[in-house]
Amino acid sequence: MATAKQVVDIATAEIGYHEKASNSNLDSKTGNNGSANWTKYARDLANAGYYNGSKNGFEWCDVFADWCFWMACGKDPAKAQALQCQTGPLGAACPYSAGYYKNQGRYDKNPKVGDQVFFQQNGSLVHTGIVVGVTSSQVTTVEGNASNQVMKKTYSRSSSYIGGYGHPKYDSVSSGWVKENGEYKFKNPATGQFVSNMWVGTSKGLWYYIGVDGIMCHGGLTFVPACKGINENGADQGTFTAGWFYLQPDNENGCIGSMKSGEQVIVKSTTEKVPGANVAVFETKHNGHFGACMSVNGKAMDTYTELPA
């Protein structure tokens, strides 16, 4: 099955494509520019047997979105339509496309990268696109038939223009936190891949470090190398500097380790260094006590020992 990243990459690569004045030069991004709604997207899907007939010459925002999913599924109509929850031939119209998601309980107001976004006017769904970026306040999309072309746009998440989001069936294994053999991993919804050597931030302000082995670190002090951070939607949160952190155990949301903002550990003195490991004496900001901990290749070891102050 296709991944959200594949759909996003395909959509992004089409930015700048203009609709055509006639059934000519359909594969050119800018040739034969016009406003007659002729596109390669409608041509390709008609040839693949999509819909209840050819949609060339008609509004094409939904056709563009479908084409991106179809390409990501190796040009297999059955796989692409299953991915988009489409159980009928009417996926070229926004109300019907959204209805397919709604019928399978996969439509709401919570955006994720790779979703199909639907826009509304006067209570009716009138436009659609692909979600390519999500932050706490904004959503970024790539849309077909936006001023007669494929464009990248950014909206406030509270915009009244946004009607909702359809969530494609990207994988049989859910994205997000996954528990295996008593340990937690995180599957990035933007790529469909498990992450490693990365911070993952939650909407509640907690941060979790996933070690180089792909397992969440927990239960003590550990040295974390400089690495990327993402939120639970898979949006890039920048690069985090290296340092020692206290990864406290807790069971919130089923996760068993977190680093709260401001709890970075200050190294007081190094007592020993061994190949592939860091052993040191620390002063922790969270309680002012001294402790010792070893980490091997970025993986936290449960060896926190409190020492006299």
Protein backbone atom coordinates (compact mmCIF):
# COMPACT_ATOMS: atom_id res chain seq x y z
CA MET A 1 0.00 0.00 0.00
CA ALA A 2 1.13 3.55 -0.66
CA THR A 3 2.44 5.83 2.09
CA ALA A 4 1.52 9.40 2.94
CA LYS A 5 5.02 10.50 1.96
CA GLN A 6 4.62 9.03 -1.53
CA VAL A 7 1.34 10.88 -2.07
CA VAL A 8 2.81 14.13 -0.74
CA ASP A 9 5.90 13.82 -2.94
CA ILE A 10 3.80 13.14 -6.03
CA ALA A 11 1.49 16.09 -5.34
CA THR A 12 4.38 18.45 -4.64
CA ALA A 13 6.15 17.51 -7.86
CA GLU A 14 3.09 18.71 -9.81
CA ILE A 15 3.16 22.28 -8.45
CA GLY A 16 3.11 24.68 -11.40
CA TYR A 17 1.10 22.50 -13.77
CA HIS A 18 -1.47 24.63 -15.67
CA GLU A 19 -4.73 23.40 -17.13
CA LYS A 20 -4.97 23.51 -20.90
CA ALA A 21 -7.02 25.46 -23.41
CA SER A 22 -7.70 22.30 -25.41
CA ASN A 23 -6.88 18.61 -25.65
CA SER A 24 -3.26 19.33 -26.59
CA ASN A 25 0.11 19.32 -24.79
CA LEU A 26 -1.52 17.76 -21.74
CA ASP A 27 1.80 16.49 -20.37
CA SER A 28 3.49 19.90 -20.48
CA LYS A 29 3.40 21.87 -17.24
CA THR A 30 3.02 25.22 -18.94
CA GLY A 31 2.30 24.58 -22.63
CA ASN A 32 -1.13 25.36 -24.12
CA ASN A 33 -2.19 27.22 -20.97
CA GLY A 34 -5.87 28.01 -20.74
CA SER A 35 -9.00 27.73 -18.66
CA ALA A 36 -10.95 24.95 -20.38
CA ASN A 37 -10.23 22.32 -17.67
CA TRP A 38 -8.20 19.99 -19.89
CA THR A 39 -5.53 18.07 -17.90
CA LYS A 40 -3.36 14.99 -18.04
CA TYR A 41 -4.92 13.93 -14.73
CA ALA A 42 -8.41 13.45 -16.19
CA ARG A 43 -6.98 11.81 -19.31
CA ASP A 44 -4.95 9.27 -17.30
CA LEU A 45 -7.79 8.35 -14.95
CA ALA A 46 -10.25 7.99 -17.83
CA ASN A 47 -7.82 5.59 -19.51
CA ALA A 48 -7.53 3.68 -16.21
CA GLY A 49 -11.31 3.24 -15.99
CA TYR A 50 -11.99 5.67 -13.15
CA TYR A 51 -15.37 7.28 -12.47
CA ASN A 52 -18.50 7.00 -14.58
CA GLY A 53 -16.89 8.57 -17.64
CA SER A 54 -14.17 10.98 -18.70
CA LYS A 55 -13.86 14.12 -16.59
CA ASN A 56 -11.75 16.16 -18.99
CA GLY A 57 -13.31 19.58 -19.50
CA PHE A 58 -14.77 19.60 -15.97
CA GLU A 59 -13.53 21.12 -12.69
CA TRP A 60 -10.54 19.00 -11.75
CA CYS A 61 -9.45 19.55 -8.12
CA ASP A 62 -10.73 16.14 -7.02
CA VAL A 63 -9.41 14.49 -10.17
CA PHE A 64 -5.94 15.81 -9.31
CA ALA A 65 -6.14 14.39 -5.77
CA ASP A 66 -7.29 11.01 -7.09
CA TRP A 67 -4.48 11.00 -9.65
CA CYS A 68 -1.89 11.46 -6.87
CA PHE A 69 -3.26 8.43 -4.98
CA TRP A 70 -3.45 6.43 -8.21
CA MET A 71 0.20 7.18 -9.01
CA ALA A 72 1.28 6.30 -5.45
CA CYS A 73 -0.48 2.93 -5.82
CA GLY A 74 1.46 2.03 -8.95
CA LYS A 75 -1.39 3.07 -11.27
CA ASP A 76 -3.64 0.36 -9.82
CA PRO A 77 -7.22 1.76 -9.70
CA ALA A 78 -8.52 -0.84 -7.25
CA LYS A 79 -5.73 -0.18 -4.73
CA ALA A 80 -6.00 3.59 -5.09
CA GLN A 81 -9.77 3.64 -4.65
CA ALA A 82 -9.52 1.36 -1.62
CA LEU A 83 -6.89 3.69 -0.17
CA GLN A 84 -9.31 6.62 -0.55
CA CYS A 85 -12.30 4.64 0.80
CA GLN A 86 -14.03 5.00 -2.58
CA THR A 87 -16.70 2.35 -2.95
CA GLY A 88 -18.38 3.82 -6.05
CA PRO A 89 -17.64 5.61 -9.34
CA LEU A 90 -18.39 9.18 -8.16
CA GLY A 91 -15.04 10.17 -6.69
CA ALA A 92 -14.54 13.13 -9.04
CA ALA A 93 -16.93 15.34 -7.05
CA CYS A 94 -16.04 16.69 -3.60
CA PRO A 95 -19.32 15.87 -1.80
CA TYR A 96 -19.14 12.25 -2.99
CA SER A 97 -15.43 11.86 -2.18
CA ALA A 98 -15.96 13.22 1.33
CA GLY A 99 -19.01 10.97 1.68
CA TYR A 100 -16.90 7.88 0.98
CA TYR A 101 -14.58 8.81 3.86
CA LYS A 102 -17.52 9.62 6.13
CA ASN A 103 -19.21 6.29 5.42
CA GLN A 104 -16.10 4.50 6.74
CA GLY A 105 -15.65 6.74 9.77
CA ARG A 106 -12.50 8.36 8.40
CA TYR A 107 -13.54 12.02 8.19
CA ASP A 108 -13.02 14.64 10.89
CA LYS A 109 -11.43 17.99 11.73
CA ASN A 110 -8.00 16.64 12.72
CA PRO A 111 -5.46 17.00 9.88
CA LYS A 112 -2.58 14.63 9.20
CA VAL A 113 0.04 14.78 6.49
CA GLY A 114 -1.24 12.85 3.48
CA ASP A 115 -4.92 13.50 4.21
CA GLN A 116 -7.38 14.71 1.60
CA VAL A 117 -8.67 18.11 2.73
CA PHE A 118 -12.11 19.39 1.72
CA PHE A 119 -13.11 23.05 1.55
CA GLN A 120 -16.59 24.47 1.96
CA GLN A 121 -18.68 27.47 0.95
CA ASN A 122 -22.20 28.16 2.19
CA GLY A 123 -22.33 24.72 3.75
CA SER A 124 -21.35 22.82 0.59
CA LEU A 125 -18.03 21.10 -0.15
CA VAL A 126 -16.60 22.80 -3.23
CA HIS A 127 -12.85 22.13 -3.41
CA THR A 128 -10.20 19.63 -2.30
CA GLY A 129 -6.47 19.04 -2.09
CA ILE A 130 -3.71 17.04 -0.39
CA VAL A 131 -2.36 17.94 3.07
CA VAL A 132 1.44 18.22 2.84
CA GLY A 133 2.23 19.91 6.17
CA VAL A 134 0.65 20.37 9.60
CA THR A 135 1.61 22.54 12.59
CA SER A 136 -0.29 23.45 15.75
CA SER A 137 -1.78 26.50 14.00
CA GLN A 138 -1.56 25.93 10.23
CA VAL A 139 -2.15 23.36 7.52
CA THR A 140 -0.32 23.38 4.17
CA THR A 141 -1.87 21.86 1.07
CA VAL A 142 -1.23 21.16 -2.60
CA GLU A 143 -4.36 21.74 -4.68
CA GLY A 144 -5.32 21.19 -8.28
CA ASN A 145 -7.55 23.67 -10.12
CA ALA A 146 -6.40 26.51 -7.86
CA SER A 147 -6.37 29.55 -10.16
CA ASN A 148 -6.29 27.07 -13.08
CA GLN A 149 -3.14 25.34 -11.87
CA VAL A 150 -1.58 23.15 -9.16
CA MET A 151 -0.60 25.34 -6.22
CA LYS A 152 0.77 25.05 -2.69
CA LYS A 153 -1.23 26.96 -0.08
CA THR A 154 -1.27 27.50 3.68
CA TYR A 155 -4.32 28.07 5.89
CA SER A 156 -5.08 28.64 9.54
CA ARG A 157 -6.36 25.41 11.05
CA SER A 158 -9.34 27.39 12.35
CA SER A 159 -10.27 28.67 8.87
CA SER A 160 -14.01 28.41 8.21
CA TYR A 161 -13.13 27.51 4.61
CA ILE A 162 -11.92 24.08 5.75
CA GLY A 163 -14.78 21.61 5.91
CA GLY A 164 -12.85 18.57 7.11
CA TYR A 165 -10.24 15.93 6.35
CA GLY A 166 -10.55 12.47 4.86
CA HIS A 167 -8.03 9.98 6.25
CA PRO A 168 -6.81 7.47 3.64
CA LYS A 169 -6.10 3.88 4.63
CA TYR A 170 -2.34 4.11 4.30
CA ASP A 171 -1.37 0.99 6.21
CA SER A 172 -2.93 -1.86 8.11
CA VAL A 173 -0.58 -1.01 10.99
CA SER A 174 -1.65 2.23 12.64
CA SER A 175 0.69 5.18 12.65
CA GLY A 176 1.80 6.68 15.94
CA TRP A 177 2.78 4.81 19.08
CA VAL A 178 3.14 1.05 18.72
CA LYS A 179 3.94 -1.32 21.59
CA GLU A 180 6.07 -4.36 20.78
CA ASN A 181 7.49 -6.79 23.37
CA GLY A 182 6.83 -4.33 26.17
CA GLU A 183 8.64 -1.44 24.46
CA TYR A 184 7.29 1.53 22.53
CA LYS A 185 8.11 2.61 18.98
CA PHE A 186 6.78 5.50 16.93
CA LYS A 187 5.59 5.17 13.36
CA ASN A 188 5.76 8.48 11.52
CA PRO A 189 2.36 9.08 9.85
CA ALA A 190 4.02 11.26 7.22
CA THR A 191 6.29 8.48 5.97
CA GLY A 192 4.75 5.25 7.23
CA GLN A 193 8.16 4.33 8.70
CA PHE A 194 9.30 3.72 12.26
CA VAL A 195 11.66 6.46 13.46
CA SER A 196 15.02 6.20 15.23
CA ASN A 197 17.37 8.71 16.87
CA MET A 198 14.59 11.27 16.98
CA TRP A 199 12.52 13.30 19.46
CA VAL A 200 8.74 12.98 19.19
CA GLY A 201 6.58 15.70 20.75
CA THR A 202 2.97 15.31 21.84
CA SER A 203 0.12 17.81 21.87
CA LYS A 204 0.42 17.84 25.68
CA GLY A 205 3.94 19.27 25.57
CA LEU A 206 5.76 16.03 26.40
CA TRP A 207 8.79 14.88 24.43
CA TYR A 208 9.94 11.31 23.93
CA TYR A 209 13.34 10.26 22.62
CA ILE A 210 13.43 7.26 20.28
CA GLY A 211 16.92 5.71 20.37
CA VAL A 212 19.05 4.51 17.48
CA ASP A 213 17.51 1.07 17.92
CA GLY A 214 14.01 2.49 17.34
CA ILE A 215 12.95 1.97 20.97
CA MET A 216 11.70 4.71 23.29
CA CYS A 217 14.28 5.52 25.97
CA HIS A 218 12.98 5.66 29.53
CA GLY A 219 13.70 5.30 33.20
CA GLY A 220 16.83 7.36 33.84
CA LEU A 221 19.50 9.71 32.60
CA THR A 222 20.85 9.35 29.10
CA PHE A 223 23.02 11.21 26.62
CA VAL A 224 21.07 12.12 23.50
CA PRO A 225 23.02 13.10 20.36
CA ALA A 226 21.95 16.01 18.17
CA CYS A 227 18.97 14.81 16.16
CA LYS A 228 15.74 15.81 14.47
CA GLY A 229 12.39 16.25 16.18
CA ILE A 230 8.85 15.76 14.87
CA ASN A 231 5.37 16.06 16.33
CA GLU A 232 2.81 13.26 16.36
CA ASN A 233 1.53 14.37 12.94
CA GLY A 234 5.01 13.87 11.50
CA ALA A 235 5.67 17.61 11.05
CA ASP A 236 9.32 18.67 11.31
CA GLN A 237 10.17 20.43 14.59
CA GLY A 238 13.79 21.23 13.76
CA THR A 239 17.07 19.89 15.14
CA PHE A 240 17.60 19.36 18.86
CA THR A 241 21.04 19.93 20.36
CA ALA A 242 22.96 17.10 22.02
CA GLY A 243 22.91 16.78 25.80
CA TRP A 244 22.17 14.69 28.86
CA PHE A 245 18.49 14.33 29.72
CA TYR A 246 16.50 12.79 32.52
CA LEU A 247 13.93 10.51 30.90
CA GLN A 248 11.38 10.02 33.64
CA PRO A 249 9.12 6.95 33.71
CA ASP A 250 5.38 7.50 33.38
CA ASN A 251 2.41 5.79 31.80
CA GLU A 252 0.62 8.77 30.26
CA ASN A 253 -1.07 7.78 26.99
CA GLY A 254 0.51 4.34 27.31
CA CYS A 255 4.00 5.79 26.86
CA ILE A 256 6.65 5.01 29.45
CA GLY A 257 9.22 7.76 29.12
CA SER A 258 9.25 11.50 28.71
CA MET A 259 11.47 14.53 28.97
CA LYS A 260 9.68 17.69 30.05
CA SER A 261 10.88 21.08 28.88
CA GLY A 262 13.68 22.46 31.07
CA GLU A 263 14.82 19.14 32.49
CA GLN A 264 18.08 18.86 30.59
CA VAL A 265 20.87 17.51 32.78
CA ILE A 266 24.10 19.40 33.45
CA VAL A 267 27.27 17.28 33.46
CA LYS A 268 29.23 17.94 36.69
CA SER A 269 32.25 15.70 36.08
CA THR A 270 33.23 12.68 34.04
CA THR A 271 34.24 9.67 36.09
CA GLU A 272 34.93 7.16 33.34
CA LYS A 273 34.73 6.73 29.59
CA VAL A 274 34.52 3.37 27.83
CA PRO A 275 34.22 2.61 24.10
CA GLY A 276 30.68 3.14 22.86
CA ALA A 277 29.44 4.43 26.20
CA ASN A 278 29.19 7.55 28.32
CA VAL A 279 29.50 7.31 32.11
CA ALA A 280 29.30 10.51 34.12
CA VAL A 281 28.20 12.21 37.35
CA PHE A 282 25.35 14.66 36.92
CA GLU A 283 23.37 17.35 38.62
CA THR A 284 19.75 17.27 37.50
CA LYS A 285 17.65 20.41 37.34
CA HIS A 286 14.45 18.59 38.20
CA ASN A 287 15.39 17.66 41.76
CA GLY A 288 18.91 18.93 42.47
CA HIS A 289 20.22 15.46 43.35
CA PHE A 290 23.33 13.80 41.99
CA GLY A 291 23.13 10.63 39.97
CA ALA A 292 25.07 8.33 37.67
CA CYS A 293 23.91 6.82 34.43
CA MET A 294 25.35 5.08 31.40
CA SER A 295 24.05 5.26 27.84
CA VAL A 296 25.29 3.10 25.00
CA ASN A 297 24.93 4.40 21.44
CA GLY A 298 22.11 6.71 22.46
CA LYS A 299 20.05 4.01 24.21
CA ALA A 300 19.14 4.74 27.81
CA MET A 301 20.29 2.15 30.34
CA ASP A 302 18.22 1.77 33.50
CA THR A 303 21.17 2.42 35.82
CA TYR A 304 20.22 5.68 37.54
CA THR A 305 21.79 5.70 41.01
CA GLU A 306 21.29 8.58 43.45
CA LEU A 307 24.46 9.70 45.18
CA PRO A 308 25.03 12.00 48.16
CA ALA A 309 24.83 15.69 47.28
